[in-house]
Amino acid sequence: MKLPEINIINCDKWYNWRGKKTVSPKFVLTYELTLNYLDYGESNINQQTYPLSKNMILFKRPGDIVQNTFYNISNPAAKCCLVHFVNLSENYSSLFESILRKMPPCTEADEQAVLLFEKLYFKHTKKSNPVTEMQECLTLIELLAHLSEKANIESLSSPTPSTHQTQLFRAICYMREHLTDNFSLHDVASHIGYSLSYFNNLFKKYTRHTPYAYFNYLRISEAKYMLLNTSLSIAEIADRLNFKNASKFGEAFKRECNMTPGQFRKSSKIELYN
């Protein structure tokens, strides 16, 4: 059985703001499971709103559109609790498929769920080897199964993506497959059977970004993965992702992440909300 790719991020770095802040909608690219340790806002998933509150667990699927709103993030010391993200590769097995179909979009964490999250994080922080990877996978299955059982009791249903949303996600998957290629946005629009003008307008409606701006966001997301998981130099990453040069890559990365690629690699932590 092919094990899923699991990536867990301990988020303890937050920007500060007062009042209400709503970030631009984003397509979820992988399966994402989040345990919140704080009350700090709300998350809109496919036009349904869920609380970003203490001990709430959110589950998102590839193709979901998520827009987060945050309130009064003003004390960084209070934001250093753990937030775990678990990303499953899209090539999951039938075992995962049967569990994932039952997963609720939002559920309150009970003691067992919190313990499984902490166990999963502990396994992930240990040096990777086949044994710990299998243990990590088994813990993840146990956690997902527990949450899916809660869903049966609580009768929660997952939000359903619209037809346009599904088509746009196909376009984004096409972009991801061609991050290192030279291609036009006309190619992307044609791939899902839309005209370029219709594709542009629809994309802006759902994401508030142009397709080209979102393509750059995808390139930066891939650059983050390369910085944390490969030994490639910054210049090599810039070249692989078709940036003109390392300087242009650095400028684009800093606009997106508020830090340079070098600073990001040294921190080994992802700033979740920029």
C-alpha atoms as a PDB file:
ATOM      1  CA  MET A   1       0.000   0.000   0.000  1.00  0.00           C
ATOM      2  CA  LYS A   2       1.335   3.386  -0.978  1.00  0.00           C
ATOM      3  CA  LEU A   3       1.654   5.551   2.121  1.00  0.00           C
ATOM      4  CA  PRO A   4       0.279   9.091   1.944  1.00  0.00           C
ATOM      5  CA  GLU A   5       2.653  12.032   2.038  1.00  0.00           C
ATOM      6  CA  ILE A   6       2.199  13.616   5.458  1.00  0.00           C
ATOM      7  CA  ASN A   7       3.385  17.133   6.194  1.00  0.00           C
ATOM      8  CA  ILE A   8       2.792  18.608   9.640  1.00  0.00           C
ATOM      9  CA  ILE A   9       3.466  22.255  10.354  1.00  0.00           C
ATOM     10  CA  ASN A  10       3.795  23.701  13.843  1.00  0.00           C
ATOM     11  CA  CYS A  11       2.605  27.285  13.421  1.00  0.00           C
ATOM     12  CA  ASP A  12       3.831  29.563  16.182  1.00  0.00           C
ATOM     13  CA  LYS A  13       4.490  32.715  14.110  1.00  0.00           C
ATOM     14  CA  TRP A  14       1.627  35.114  13.569  1.00  0.00           C
ATOM     15  CA  TYR A  15       1.254  38.600  12.205  1.00  0.00           C
ATOM     16  CA  ASN A  16      -0.487  41.083  14.497  1.00  0.00           C
ATOM     17  CA  TRP A  17      -3.512  43.158  13.608  1.00  0.00           C
ATOM     18  CA  ARG A  18      -6.444  44.702  15.364  1.00  0.00           C
ATOM     19  CA  GLY A  19     -10.031  44.515  14.240  1.00  0.00           C
ATOM     20  CA  LYS A  20     -11.224  42.276  11.426  1.00  0.00           C
ATOM     21  CA  LYS A  21      -9.027  40.891   8.638  1.00  0.00           C
ATOM     22  CA  THR A  22     -10.302  38.776   5.736  1.00  0.00           C
ATOM     23  CA  VAL A  23      -7.774  37.138   3.432  1.00  0.00           C
ATOM     24  CA  SER A  24      -8.342  36.325  -0.227  1.00  0.00           C
ATOM     25  CA  PRO A  25     -10.073  33.023  -1.072  1.00  0.00           C
ATOM     26  CA  LYS A  26      -7.722  30.135  -1.867  1.00  0.00           C
ATOM     27  CA  PHE A  27      -8.242  26.728  -3.406  1.00  0.00           C
ATOM     28  CA  VAL A  28      -7.165  23.900  -1.108  1.00  0.00           C
ATOM     29  CA  LEU A  29      -4.567  21.827  -2.949  1.00  0.00           C
ATOM     30  CA  THR A  30      -4.305  18.797  -0.645  1.00  0.00           C
ATOM     31  CA  TYR A  31      -6.292  17.209   2.149  1.00  0.00           C
ATOM     32  CA  GLU A  32      -5.915  19.464   5.165  1.00  0.00           C
ATOM     33  CA  LEU A  33      -6.749  18.761   8.787  1.00  0.00           C
ATOM     34  CA  THR A  34      -6.402  21.555  11.324  1.00  0.00           C
ATOM     35  CA  LEU A  35      -6.688  21.596  15.099  1.00  0.00           C
ATOM     36  CA  ASN A  36      -7.196  25.096  16.505  1.00  0.00           C
ATOM     37  CA  TYR A  37      -5.900  25.924  19.969  1.00  0.00           C
ATOM     38  CA  LEU A  38      -7.273  29.471  20.024  1.00  0.00           C
ATOM     39  CA  ASP A  39     -10.387  31.509  19.296  1.00  0.00           C
ATOM     40  CA  TYR A  40      -9.360  33.774  16.439  1.00  0.00           C
ATOM     41  CA  GLY A  41     -11.992  34.003  13.700  1.00  0.00           C
ATOM     42  CA  GLU A  42     -13.968  31.972  11.205  1.00  0.00           C
ATOM     43  CA  SER A  43     -13.391  29.962   8.045  1.00  0.00           C
ATOM     44  CA  ASN A  44     -15.687  29.926   5.036  1.00  0.00           C
ATOM     45  CA  ILE A  45     -15.501  26.610   3.126  1.00  0.00           C
ATOM     46  CA  ASN A  46     -17.515  26.453  -0.103  1.00  0.00           C
ATOM     47  CA  GLN A  47     -19.880  29.175   1.138  1.00  0.00           C
ATOM     48  CA  GLN A  48     -20.408  27.600   4.569  1.00  0.00           C
ATOM     49  CA  THR A  49     -18.942  29.270   7.655  1.00  0.00           C
ATOM     50  CA  TYR A  50     -17.238  27.453  10.533  1.00  0.00           C
ATOM     51  CA  PRO A  51     -15.604  28.833  13.691  1.00  0.00           C
ATOM     52  CA  LEU A  52     -11.831  29.108  14.068  1.00  0.00           C
ATOM     53  CA  SER A  53     -12.167  28.533  17.760  1.00  0.00           C
ATOM     54  CA  LYS A  54     -10.427  26.619  20.517  1.00  0.00           C
ATOM     55  CA  ASN A  55     -10.536  22.825  20.153  1.00  0.00           C
ATOM     56  CA  MET A  56     -12.345  22.932  16.804  1.00  0.00           C
ATOM     57  CA  ILE A  57     -11.056  20.696  14.007  1.00  0.00           C
ATOM     58  CA  LEU A  58     -11.542  21.692  10.361  1.00  0.00           C
ATOM     59  CA  PHE A  59     -11.206  19.275   7.452  1.00  0.00           C
ATOM     60  CA  LYS A  60     -10.728  20.503   3.886  1.00  0.00           C
ATOM     61  CA  ARG A  61     -10.487  18.601   0.615  1.00  0.00           C
ATOM     62  CA  PRO A  62      -8.638  19.315  -2.639  1.00  0.00           C
ATOM     63  CA  GLY A  63     -10.758  21.748  -4.640  1.00  0.00           C
ATOM     64  CA  ASP A  64     -12.465  23.396  -1.671  1.00  0.00           C
ATOM     65  CA  ILE A  65     -12.413  27.193  -1.688  1.00  0.00           C
ATOM     66  CA  VAL A  66     -11.504  28.577   1.715  1.00  0.00           C
ATOM     67  CA  GLN A  67     -11.618  32.153   2.941  1.00  0.00           C
ATOM     68  CA  ASN A  68     -10.535  32.936   6.484  1.00  0.00           C
ATOM     69  CA  THR A  69     -11.495  35.936   8.610  1.00  0.00           C
ATOM     70  CA  PHE A  70      -9.511  36.789  11.743  1.00  0.00           C
ATOM     71  CA  TYR A  71     -10.347  39.023  14.688  1.00  0.00           C
ATOM     72  CA  ASN A  72      -8.041  41.068  16.905  1.00  0.00           C
ATOM     73  CA  ILE A  73      -4.795  39.116  16.506  1.00  0.00           C
ATOM     74  CA  SER A  74      -2.787  41.455  18.709  1.00  0.00           C
ATOM     75  CA  ASN A  75      -0.791  39.387  21.204  1.00  0.00           C
ATOM     76  CA  PRO A  76       1.857  37.153  19.588  1.00  0.00           C
ATOM     77  CA  ALA A  77       2.646  35.432  22.903  1.00  0.00           C
ATOM     78  CA  ALA A  78      -0.902  34.087  22.975  1.00  0.00           C
ATOM     79  CA  LYS A  79      -0.600  32.674  19.454  1.00  0.00           C
ATOM     80  CA  CYS A  80       2.237  30.212  20.070  1.00  0.00           C
ATOM     81  CA  CYS A  81      -0.032  27.210  20.556  1.00  0.00           C
ATOM     82  CA  LEU A  82       0.342  24.357  18.072  1.00  0.00           C
ATOM     83  CA  VAL A  83      -1.641  24.267  14.864  1.00  0.00           C
ATOM     84  CA  HIS A  84      -1.076  21.047  12.935  1.00  0.00           C
ATOM     85  CA  PHE A  85      -1.617  20.671   9.227  1.00  0.00           C
ATOM     86  CA  VAL A  86      -1.762  17.177   7.764  1.00  0.00           C
ATOM     87  CA  ASN A  87      -1.531  16.975   3.988  1.00  0.00           C
ATOM     88  CA  LEU A  88      -2.413  13.719   2.242  1.00  0.00           C
ATOM     89  CA  SER A  89      -1.188  13.034  -1.252  1.00  0.00           C
ATOM     90  CA  GLU A  90      -3.956  12.843  -3.834  1.00  0.00           C
ATOM     91  CA  ASN A  91      -2.979   9.222  -4.611  1.00  0.00           C
ATOM     92  CA  TYR A  92      -4.574   7.872  -1.443  1.00  0.00           C
ATOM     93  CA  SER A  93      -5.557   4.231  -1.097  1.00  0.00           C
ATOM     94  CA  SER A  94      -9.055   2.761  -0.957  1.00  0.00           C
ATOM     95  CA  LEU A  95      -8.650   2.566   2.819  1.00  0.00           C
ATOM     96  CA  PHE A  96      -8.256   6.328   3.082  1.00  0.00           C
ATOM     97  CA  GLU A  97     -11.004   6.908   0.533  1.00  0.00           C
ATOM     98  CA  SER A  98     -13.615   5.074   2.595  1.00  0.00           C
ATOM     99  CA  ILE A  99     -12.736   7.127   5.681  1.00  0.00           C
ATOM    100  CA  LEU A 100     -12.373  10.487   3.948  1.00  0.00           C
ATOM    101  CA  ARG A 101     -15.865  10.267   2.449  1.00  0.00           C
ATOM    102  CA  LYS A 102     -17.294  10.388   5.994  1.00  0.00           C
ATOM    103  CA  MET A 103     -15.085  13.186   7.328  1.00  0.00           C
ATOM    104  CA  PRO A 104     -16.995  16.202   8.718  1.00  0.00           C
ATOM    105  CA  PRO A 105     -15.887  19.706   7.656  1.00  0.00           C
ATOM    106  CA  CYS A 106     -15.940  20.869  11.290  1.00  0.00           C
ATOM    107  CA  THR A 107     -16.087  19.045  14.605  1.00  0.00           C
ATOM    108  CA  GLU A 108     -15.197  19.721  18.209  1.00  0.00           C
ATOM    109  CA  ALA A 109     -12.060  17.925  19.388  1.00  0.00           C
ATOM    110  CA  ASP A 110     -12.580  15.516  22.245  1.00  0.00           C
ATOM    111  CA  GLU A 111      -9.793  14.197  24.449  1.00  0.00           C
ATOM    112  CA  GLN A 112      -9.005  11.297  22.131  1.00  0.00           C
ATOM    113  CA  ALA A 113      -8.712  13.530  19.063  1.00  0.00           C
ATOM    114  CA  VAL A 114      -6.312  15.895  20.863  1.00  0.00           C
ATOM    115  CA  LEU A 115      -4.181  12.975  22.045  1.00  0.00           C
ATOM    116  CA  LEU A 116      -4.004  11.561  18.518  1.00  0.00           C
ATOM    117  CA  PHE A 117      -2.988  14.963  17.128  1.00  0.00           C
ATOM    118  CA  GLU A 118      -0.210  15.212  19.710  1.00  0.00           C
ATOM    119  CA  LYS A 119       0.897  11.640  19.028  1.00  0.00           C
ATOM    120  CA  LEU A 120       0.959  12.356  15.295  1.00  0.00           C
ATOM    121  CA  TYR A 121       3.051  15.477  15.830  1.00  0.00           C
ATOM    122  CA  PHE A 122       5.504  13.591  18.075  1.00  0.00           C
ATOM    123  CA  LYS A 123       5.957  10.862  15.446  1.00  0.00           C
ATOM    124  CA  HIS A 124       6.504  13.452  12.728  1.00  0.00           C
ATOM    125  CA  THR A 125       9.213  15.318  14.633  1.00  0.00           C
ATOM    126  CA  LYS A 126      11.308  12.170  15.053  1.00  0.00           C
ATOM    127  CA  LYS A 127      13.912  11.253  12.466  1.00  0.00           C
ATOM    128  CA  SER A 128      12.170   9.787   9.437  1.00  0.00           C
ATOM    129  CA  ASN A 129      12.575   6.081   8.752  1.00  0.00           C
ATOM    130  CA  PRO A 130      10.249   3.338   7.420  1.00  0.00           C
ATOM    131  CA  VAL A 131       9.107   2.331  10.907  1.00  0.00           C
ATOM    132  CA  THR A 132       8.200   5.838  12.098  1.00  0.00           C
ATOM    133  CA  GLU A 133       6.563   6.608   8.741  1.00  0.00           C
ATOM    134  CA  MET A 134       4.324   3.548   9.108  1.00  0.00           C
ATOM    135  CA  GLN A 135       3.523   4.462  12.732  1.00  0.00           C
ATOM    136  CA  GLU A 136       2.705   7.991  11.614  1.00  0.00           C
ATOM    137  CA  CYS A 137       0.407   6.668   8.891  1.00  0.00           C
ATOM    138  CA  LEU A 138      -1.396   4.350  11.310  1.00  0.00           C
ATOM    139  CA  THR A 139      -1.904   7.207  13.786  1.00  0.00           C
ATOM    140  CA  LEU A 140      -3.320   9.348  11.000  1.00  0.00           C
ATOM    141  CA  ILE A 141      -5.742   6.580   9.999  1.00  0.00           C
ATOM    142  CA  GLU A 142      -6.813   6.208  13.636  1.00  0.00           C
ATOM    143  CA  LEU A 143      -7.415   9.960  13.923  1.00  0.00           C
ATOM    144  CA  LEU A 144      -9.401  10.157  10.679  1.00  0.00           C
ATOM    145  CA  ALA A 145     -11.451   7.093  11.615  1.00  0.00           C
ATOM    146  CA  HIS A 146     -12.247   8.609  15.008  1.00  0.00           C
ATOM    147  CA  LEU A 147     -13.374  11.884  13.428  1.00  0.00           C
ATOM    148  CA  SER A 148     -15.468  10.091  10.791  1.00  0.00           C
ATOM    149  CA  GLU A 149     -17.222   8.128  13.553  1.00  0.00           C
ATOM    150  CA  LYS A 150     -18.015  11.419  15.301  1.00  0.00           C
ATOM    151  CA  ALA A 151     -19.481  12.661  12.016  1.00  0.00           C
ATOM    152  CA  ASN A 152     -21.907   9.740  11.932  1.00  0.00           C
ATOM    153  CA  ILE A 153     -23.078  10.664  15.422  1.00  0.00           C
ATOM    154  CA  GLU A 154     -23.253  14.415  14.797  1.00  0.00           C
ATOM    155  CA  SER A 155     -24.730  14.053  11.265  1.00  0.00           C
ATOM    156  CA  LEU A 156     -22.490  16.707   9.737  1.00  0.00           C
ATOM    157  CA  SER A 157     -22.260  16.961   5.963  1.00  0.00           C
ATOM    158  CA  SER A 158     -19.389  18.247   3.859  1.00  0.00           C
ATOM    159  CA  PRO A 159     -19.861  21.305   1.655  1.00  0.00           C
ATOM    160  CA  THR A 160     -20.110  20.469  -2.045  1.00  0.00           C
ATOM    161  CA  PRO A 161     -18.048  22.370  -4.646  1.00  0.00           C
ATOM    162  CA  SER A 162     -20.016  23.950  -7.501  1.00  0.00           C
ATOM    163  CA  THR A 163     -19.533  22.868 -11.133  1.00  0.00           C
ATOM    164  CA  HIS A 164     -17.549  26.031 -11.931  1.00  0.00           C
ATOM    165  CA  GLN A 165     -15.442  25.514  -8.833  1.00  0.00           C
ATOM    166  CA  THR A 166     -14.641  21.957  -9.900  1.00  0.00           C
ATOM    167  CA  GLN A 167     -13.622  23.156 -13.367  1.00  0.00           C
ATOM    168  CA  LEU A 168     -11.412  25.898 -11.950  1.00  0.00           C
ATOM    169  CA  PHE A 169      -9.740  23.379  -9.681  1.00  0.00           C
ATOM    170  CA  ARG A 170      -9.002  21.272 -12.774  1.00  0.00           C
ATOM    171  CA  ALA A 171      -7.347  24.361 -14.223  1.00  0.00           C
ATOM    172  CA  ILE A 172      -5.279  24.844 -11.079  1.00  0.00           C
ATOM    173  CA  CYS A 173      -4.183  21.187 -11.176  1.00  0.00           C
ATOM    174  CA  TYR A 174      -3.107  21.764 -14.781  1.00  0.00           C
ATOM    175  CA  MET A 175      -1.112  24.803 -13.663  1.00  0.00           C
ATOM    176  CA  ARG A 176       0.566  22.771 -10.923  1.00  0.00           C
ATOM    177  CA  GLU A 177       1.542  20.075 -13.413  1.00  0.00           C
ATOM    178  CA  HIS A 178       3.218  22.712 -15.597  1.00  0.00           C
ATOM    179  CA  LEU A 179       4.927  24.922 -13.020  1.00  0.00           C
ATOM    180  CA  THR A 180       8.287  24.351 -14.703  1.00  0.00           C
ATOM    181  CA  ASP A 181       6.993  24.655 -18.287  1.00  0.00           C
ATOM    182  CA  ASN A 182       6.392  27.552 -20.621  1.00  0.00           C
ATOM    183  CA  PHE A 183       2.680  27.667 -21.348  1.00  0.00           C
ATOM    184  CA  SER A 184      -0.001  30.292 -21.822  1.00  0.00           C
ATOM    185  CA  LEU A 185      -3.149  30.939 -19.855  1.00  0.00           C
ATOM    186  CA  HIS A 186      -4.991  30.250 -23.104  1.00  0.00           C
ATOM    187  CA  ASP A 187      -3.722  26.665 -22.793  1.00  0.00           C
ATOM    188  CA  VAL A 188      -5.156  26.472 -19.261  1.00  0.00           C
ATOM    189  CA  ALA A 189      -8.551  27.848 -20.322  1.00  0.00           C
ATOM    190  CA  SER A 190      -8.682  25.467 -23.290  1.00  0.00           C
ATOM    191  CA  HIS A 191      -7.867  22.548 -20.999  1.00  0.00           C
ATOM    192  CA  ILE A 192     -11.203  23.001 -19.184  1.00  0.00           C
ATOM    193  CA  GLY A 193     -13.150  24.065 -22.278  1.00  0.00           C
ATOM    194  CA  TYR A 194     -13.509  27.776 -21.460  1.00  0.00           C
ATOM    195  CA  SER A 195     -12.639  30.838 -23.507  1.00  0.00           C
ATOM    196  CA  LEU A 196      -9.794  32.918 -22.089  1.00  0.00           C
ATOM    197  CA  SER A 197     -12.035  35.897 -21.239  1.00  0.00           C
ATOM    198  CA  TYR A 198     -14.648  33.691 -19.522  1.00  0.00           C
ATOM    199  CA  PHE A 199     -11.905  31.839 -17.646  1.00  0.00           C
ATOM    200  CA  ASN A 200     -10.345  35.117 -16.455  1.00  0.00           C
ATOM    201  CA  ASN A 201     -13.648  36.539 -15.251  1.00  0.00           C
ATOM    202  CA  LEU A 202     -14.715  33.343 -13.491  1.00  0.00           C
ATOM    203  CA  PHE A 203     -11.326  32.914 -11.846  1.00  0.00           C
ATOM    204  CA  LYS A 204     -11.402  36.455 -10.442  1.00  0.00           C
ATOM    205  CA  LYS A 205     -14.939  35.904  -9.169  1.00  0.00           C
ATOM    206  CA  TYR A 206     -13.939  32.849  -7.152  1.00  0.00           C
ATOM    207  CA  THR A 207     -10.450  33.849  -5.987  1.00  0.00           C
ATOM    208  CA  ARG A 208     -10.173  37.652  -6.339  1.00  0.00           C
ATOM    209  CA  HIS A 209      -6.935  36.981  -8.213  1.00  0.00           C
ATOM    210  CA  THR A 210      -6.054  36.880 -11.879  1.00  0.00           C
ATOM    211  CA  PRO A 211      -5.050  33.425 -13.138  1.00  0.00           C
ATOM    212  CA  TYR A 212      -1.484  34.668 -13.639  1.00  0.00           C
ATOM    213  CA  ALA A 213      -1.251  35.966 -10.055  1.00  0.00           C
ATOM    214  CA  TYR A 214      -2.553  32.628  -8.796  1.00  0.00           C
ATOM    215  CA  PHE A 215       0.003  30.794 -10.928  1.00  0.00           C
ATOM    216  CA  ASN A 216       2.728  32.792  -9.195  1.00  0.00           C
ATOM    217  CA  TYR A 217       1.188  31.886  -5.836  1.00  0.00           C
ATOM    218  CA  LEU A 218       1.414  28.207  -6.838  1.00  0.00           C
ATOM    219  CA  ARG A 219       5.061  28.660  -7.797  1.00  0.00           C
ATOM    220  CA  ILE A 220       5.819  30.202  -4.416  1.00  0.00           C
ATOM    221  CA  SER A 221       3.994  27.341  -2.662  1.00  0.00           C
ATOM    222  CA  GLU A 222       6.171  24.851  -4.549  1.00  0.00           C
ATOM    223  CA  ALA A 223       9.244  26.922  -3.692  1.00  0.00           C
ATOM    224  CA  LYS A 224       8.327  26.662   0.012  1.00  0.00           C
ATOM    225  CA  TYR A 225       8.222  22.884  -0.283  1.00  0.00           C
ATOM    226  CA  MET A 226      11.586  22.814  -2.073  1.00  0.00           C
ATOM    227  CA  LEU A 227      13.180  25.099   0.505  1.00  0.00           C
ATOM    228  CA  LEU A 228      12.070  22.896   3.390  1.00  0.00           C
ATOM    229  CA  ASN A 229      12.447  19.467   1.802  1.00  0.00           C
ATOM    230  CA  THR A 230      15.388  19.649  -0.622  1.00  0.00           C
ATOM    231  CA  SER A 231      18.997  20.809  -0.568  1.00  0.00           C
ATOM    232  CA  LEU A 232      18.609  22.783  -3.802  1.00  0.00           C
ATOM    233  CA  SER A 233      20.126  26.245  -3.719  1.00  0.00           C
ATOM    234  CA  ILE A 234      17.884  29.297  -4.023  1.00  0.00           C
ATOM    235  CA  ALA A 235      19.252  29.919  -7.520  1.00  0.00           C
ATOM    236  CA  GLU A 236      18.467  26.324  -8.529  1.00  0.00           C
ATOM    237  CA  ILE A 237      14.902  26.602  -7.206  1.00  0.00           C
ATOM    238  CA  ALA A 238      14.423  29.883  -9.073  1.00  0.00           C
ATOM    239  CA  ASP A 239      15.649  28.244 -12.279  1.00  0.00           C
ATOM    240  CA  ARG A 240      13.459  25.149 -11.876  1.00  0.00           C
ATOM    241  CA  LEU A 241      10.350  27.284 -11.362  1.00  0.00           C
ATOM    242  CA  ASN A 242      11.128  29.453 -14.391  1.00  0.00           C
ATOM    243  CA  PHE A 243      11.850  32.696 -12.574  1.00  0.00           C
ATOM    244  CA  LYS A 244      14.023  35.034 -14.605  1.00  0.00           C
ATOM    245  CA  ASN A 245      16.760  34.890 -11.969  1.00  0.00           C
ATOM    246  CA  ALA A 246      17.279  34.393  -8.225  1.00  0.00           C
ATOM    247  CA  SER A 247      16.739  38.092  -7.575  1.00  0.00           C
ATOM    248  CA  LYS A 248      13.293  38.078  -9.232  1.00  0.00           C
ATOM    249  CA  PHE A 249      12.441  34.918  -7.318  1.00  0.00           C
ATOM    250  CA  GLY A 250      13.478  36.561  -4.051  1.00  0.00           C
ATOM    251  CA  GLU A 251      11.317  39.606  -4.742  1.00  0.00           C
ATOM    252  CA  ALA A 252       8.259  37.471  -5.564  1.00  0.00           C
ATOM    253  CA  PHE A 253       8.816  35.265  -2.523  1.00  0.00           C
ATOM    254  CA  LYS A 254       9.091  38.223  -0.164  1.00  0.00           C
ATOM    255  CA  ARG A 255       5.897  39.785  -1.531  1.00  0.00           C
ATOM    256  CA  GLU A 256       4.027  36.561  -0.789  1.00  0.00           C
ATOM    257  CA  CYS A 257       5.665  35.537   2.505  1.00  0.00           C
ATOM    258  CA  ASN A 258       7.093  38.747   4.009  1.00  0.00           C
ATOM    259  CA  MET A 259      10.506  37.106   4.293  1.00  0.00           C
ATOM    260  CA  THR A 260      13.283  36.089   1.938  1.00  0.00           C
ATOM    261  CA  PRO A 261      13.720  32.473   0.752  1.00  0.00           C
ATOM    262  CA  GLY A 262      16.839  32.222   2.906  1.00  0.00           C
ATOM    263  CA  GLN A 263      15.021  33.426   6.019  1.00  0.00           C
ATOM    264  CA  PHE A 264      12.184  31.000   5.320  1.00  0.00           C
ATOM    265  CA  ARG A 265      14.564  28.057   4.984  1.00  0.00           C
ATOM    266  CA  LYS A 266      16.323  28.927   8.239  1.00  0.00           C
ATOM    267  CA  SER A 267      13.067  29.342  10.148  1.00  0.00           C
ATOM    268  CA  SER A 268      11.738  25.946   8.973  1.00  0.00           C
ATOM    269  CA  LYS A 269       8.238  27.251   9.689  1.00  0.00           C
ATOM    270  CA  ILE A 270       5.544  28.455   7.350  1.00  0.00           C
ATOM    271  CA  GLU A 271       3.825  31.753   8.008  1.00  0.00           C
ATOM    272  CA  LEU A 272       0.266  30.598   7.484  1.00  0.00           C
ATOM    273  CA  TYR A 273      -1.482  33.949   7.291  1.00  0.00           C
ATOM    274  CA  ASN A 274       0.446  36.616   5.387  1.00  0.00           C
END
